[in-house]
C-alpha atoms as a PDB file:
ATOM      1  CA  UNK A   1      95.979  33.138 -24.324  1.00  0.00           C
ATOM      2  CA  UNK A   2      92.802  31.942 -22.578  1.00  0.00           C
ATOM      3  CA  UNK A   3      92.235  28.288 -21.772  1.00  0.00           C
ATOM      4  CA  UNK A   4      88.942  26.498 -22.501  1.00  0.00           C
ATOM      5  CA  UNK A   5      87.482  27.194 -19.049  1.00  0.00           C
ATOM      6  CA  UNK A   6      88.257  30.915 -19.362  1.00  0.00           C
ATOM      7  CA  UNK A   7      86.680  31.041 -22.823  1.00  0.00           C
ATOM      8  CA  UNK A   8      83.574  29.267 -21.537  1.00  0.00           C
ATOM      9  CA  UNK A   9      83.415  31.663 -18.570  1.00  0.00           C
ATOM     10  CA  UNK A  10      83.469  34.606 -20.986  1.00  0.00           C
ATOM     11  CA  UNK A  11      80.624  33.057 -22.996  1.00  0.00           C
ATOM     12  CA  UNK A  12      78.596  32.489 -19.810  1.00  0.00           C
ATOM     13  CA  UNK A  13      79.244  36.047 -18.601  1.00  0.00           C
ATOM     14  CA  UNK A  14      77.942  37.317 -21.923  1.00  0.00           C
ATOM     15  CA  UNK A  15      74.750  35.246 -21.573  1.00  0.00           C
ATOM     16  CA  UNK A  16      74.257  36.409 -17.978  1.00  0.00           C
ATOM     17  CA  UNK A  17      75.102  40.080 -18.574  1.00  0.00           C
ATOM     18  CA  UNK A  18      71.486  41.208 -18.060  1.00  0.00           C
ATOM     19  CA  UNK A  19      70.878  39.146 -14.902  1.00  0.00           C
ATOM     20  CA  UNK A  20      70.624  41.171 -11.697  1.00  0.00           C
ATOM     21  CA  UNK A  21      72.401  40.085  -8.493  1.00  0.00           C
ATOM     22  CA  UNK A  22      74.985  37.971 -10.349  1.00  0.00           C
ATOM     23  CA  UNK A  23      78.227  37.058  -8.595  1.00  0.00           C
ATOM     24  CA  UNK A  24      81.103  34.740  -9.416  1.00  0.00           C
ATOM     25  CA  UNK A  25      82.846  32.480  -6.962  1.00  0.00           C
ATOM     26  CA  UNK A  26      85.668  29.969  -7.247  1.00  0.00           C
ATOM     27  CA  UNK A  27      84.204  26.533  -6.491  1.00  0.00           C
ATOM     28  CA  UNK A  28      84.412  22.885  -7.561  1.00  0.00           C
ATOM     29  CA  UNK A  29      87.908  23.561  -8.895  1.00  0.00           C
ATOM     30  CA  UNK A  30      86.434  26.049 -11.362  1.00  0.00           C
ATOM     31  CA  UNK A  31      84.072  28.996 -11.229  1.00  0.00           C
ATOM     32  CA  UNK A  32      80.447  29.211 -10.181  1.00  0.00           C
ATOM     33  CA  UNK A  33      77.920  31.814 -11.260  1.00  0.00           C
ATOM     34  CA  UNK A  34      75.473  32.734  -8.510  1.00  0.00           C
ATOM     35  CA  UNK A  35      72.201  34.600  -8.754  1.00  0.00           C
ATOM     36  CA  UNK A  36      70.986  36.128  -5.477  1.00  0.00           C
ATOM     37  CA  UNK A  37      73.476  33.874  -3.673  1.00  0.00           C
ATOM     38  CA  UNK A  38      72.336  30.600  -5.288  1.00  0.00           C
ATOM     39  CA  UNK A  39      74.565  28.827  -7.780  1.00  0.00           C
ATOM     40  CA  UNK A  40      72.954  28.676 -11.213  1.00  0.00           C
ATOM     41  CA  UNK A  41      75.775  27.272 -13.307  1.00  0.00           C
ATOM     42  CA  UNK A  42      79.499  26.831 -13.342  1.00  0.00           C
ATOM     43  CA  UNK A  43      82.519  25.336 -14.996  1.00  0.00           C
ATOM     44  CA  UNK A  44      84.699  22.409 -13.986  1.00  0.00           C
ATOM     45  CA  UNK A  45      87.473  21.090 -16.242  1.00  0.00           C
ATOM     46  CA  UNK A  46      85.802  22.093 -19.484  1.00  0.00           C
ATOM     47  CA  UNK A  47      82.367  20.893 -18.444  1.00  0.00           C
ATOM     48  CA  UNK A  48      79.373  23.106 -17.905  1.00  0.00           C
ATOM     49  CA  UNK A  49      77.590  22.568 -14.573  1.00  0.00           C
ATOM     50  CA  UNK A  50      73.907  23.478 -14.774  1.00  0.00           C
ATOM     51  CA  UNK A  51      71.356  23.699 -11.979  1.00  0.00           C
ATOM     52  CA  UNK A  52      68.125  22.471 -13.544  1.00  0.00           C
ATOM     53  CA  UNK A  53      66.031  21.513 -10.514  1.00  0.00           C
ATOM     54  CA  UNK A  54      64.922  18.001  -9.634  1.00  0.00           C
ATOM     55  CA  UNK A  55      61.766  18.258 -11.736  1.00  0.00           C
ATOM     56  CA  UNK A  56      63.932  18.849 -14.843  1.00  0.00           C
ATOM     57  CA  UNK A  57      66.570  16.186 -14.110  1.00  0.00           C
ATOM     58  CA  UNK A  58      65.196  13.476 -16.347  1.00  0.00           C
ATOM     59  CA  UNK A  59      64.577  15.778 -19.307  1.00  0.00           C
ATOM     60  CA  UNK A  60      68.025  17.378 -18.990  1.00  0.00           C
ATOM     61  CA  UNK A  61      69.824  14.043 -18.626  1.00  0.00           C
ATOM     62  CA  UNK A  62      68.081  12.728 -21.758  1.00  0.00           C
ATOM     63  CA  UNK A  63      69.981  15.297 -23.828  1.00  0.00           C
ATOM     64  CA  UNK A  64      73.252  14.269 -25.468  1.00  0.00           C
ATOM     65  CA  UNK A  65      76.565  14.996 -23.708  1.00  0.00           C
ATOM     66  CA  UNK A  66      75.007  15.167 -20.243  1.00  0.00           C
ATOM     67  CA  UNK A  67      75.567  13.240 -17.026  1.00  0.00           C
ATOM     68  CA  UNK A  68      74.575  13.665 -13.389  1.00  0.00           C
ATOM     69  CA  UNK A  69      76.697  16.200 -11.518  1.00  0.00           C
ATOM     70  CA  UNK A  70      78.860  14.065  -9.269  1.00  0.00           C
ATOM     71  CA  UNK A  71      81.699  15.947  -7.640  1.00  0.00           C
ATOM     72  CA  UNK A  72      82.059  13.982  -4.402  1.00  0.00           C
ATOM     73  CA  UNK A  73      81.012  10.433  -5.309  1.00  0.00           C
ATOM     74  CA  UNK A  74      77.335  11.171  -4.676  1.00  0.00           C
ATOM     75  CA  UNK A  75      75.323  12.585  -7.599  1.00  0.00           C
ATOM     76  CA  UNK A  76      73.516  15.834  -6.808  1.00  0.00           C
ATOM     77  CA  UNK A  77      69.849  15.776  -7.790  1.00  0.00           C
ATOM     78  CA  UNK A  78      68.761  18.757  -9.837  1.00  0.00           C
ATOM     79  CA  UNK A  79      72.196  19.330 -11.348  1.00  0.00           C
ATOM     80  CA  UNK A  80      73.745  18.111 -14.602  1.00  0.00           C
ATOM     81  CA  UNK A  81      77.176  18.266 -16.173  1.00  0.00           C
ATOM     82  CA  UNK A  82      77.365  18.987 -19.878  1.00  0.00           C
ATOM     83  CA  UNK A  83      80.387  17.984 -21.924  1.00  0.00           C
ATOM     84  CA  UNK A  84      81.619  20.466 -24.575  1.00  0.00           C
ATOM     85  CA  UNK A  85      79.665  18.810 -27.395  1.00  0.00           C
ATOM     86  CA  UNK A  86      76.474  19.765 -25.588  1.00  0.00           C
ATOM     87  CA  UNK A  87      77.168  23.495 -25.392  1.00  0.00           C
ATOM     88  CA  UNK A  88      79.472  24.200 -28.346  1.00  0.00           C
ATOM     89  CA  UNK A  89      76.901  26.164 -30.292  1.00  0.00           C
ATOM     90  CA  UNK A  90      75.780  29.530 -28.981  1.00  0.00           C
ATOM     91  CA  UNK A  91      72.170  28.372 -29.068  1.00  0.00           C
ATOM     92  CA  UNK A  92      72.893  25.261 -26.965  1.00  0.00           C
ATOM     93  CA  UNK A  93      74.748  27.293 -24.337  1.00  0.00           C
ATOM     94  CA  UNK A  94      71.988  29.914 -24.307  1.00  0.00           C
ATOM     95  CA  UNK A  95      69.366  27.198 -23.699  1.00  0.00           C
ATOM     96  CA  UNK A  96      71.313  25.690 -20.791  1.00  0.00           C
ATOM     97  CA  UNK A  97      71.842  29.122 -19.235  1.00  0.00           C
ATOM     98  CA  UNK A  98      68.155  30.029 -19.643  1.00  0.00           C
ATOM     99  CA  UNK A  99      67.164  26.787 -17.901  1.00  0.00           C
ATOM    100  CA  UNK A 100      69.609  27.460 -15.040  1.00  0.00           C
ATOM    101  CA  UNK A 101      68.477  31.069 -14.588  1.00  0.00           C
ATOM    102  CA  UNK A 102      64.774  30.176 -14.709  1.00  0.00           C
ATOM    103  CA  UNK A 103      65.187  27.534 -12.001  1.00  0.00           C
ATOM    104  CA  UNK A 104      67.545  29.563  -9.814  1.00  0.00           C
ATOM    105  CA  UNK A 105      65.164  32.529  -9.774  1.00  0.00           C
ATOM    106  CA  UNK A 106      62.539  30.280  -8.141  1.00  0.00           C
ATOM    107  CA  UNK A 107      64.806  29.892  -5.088  1.00  0.00           C
ATOM    108  CA  UNK A 108      64.783  32.271  -2.116  1.00  0.00           C
ATOM    109  CA  UNK A 109      67.727  34.679  -2.053  1.00  0.00           C
ATOM    110  CA  UNK A 110      70.550  33.733   0.322  1.00  0.00           C
END
């Protein structure tokens, strides 16, 4: 039986199935989804990690169930963590993934 992180990973994979140059990598104690070598989103202990870009920080953090992404004691600008209530519906997850993909595609490939 799959745990919550594995189920979320399957949902993310489904949303990203049409994205070219997608790779997965174990990171942050979970899994990260990279596009052209840049992390777009990931999972850590049931939370969705989303790369939104600094210009979208404020708007993203104003949404319910979000907080700054803080893995090491220092929040990372341009990243948010979303608790399950913020991505439970398929539409909510799709919107977060679209935001992450749109921003990540603006970055140079690594």
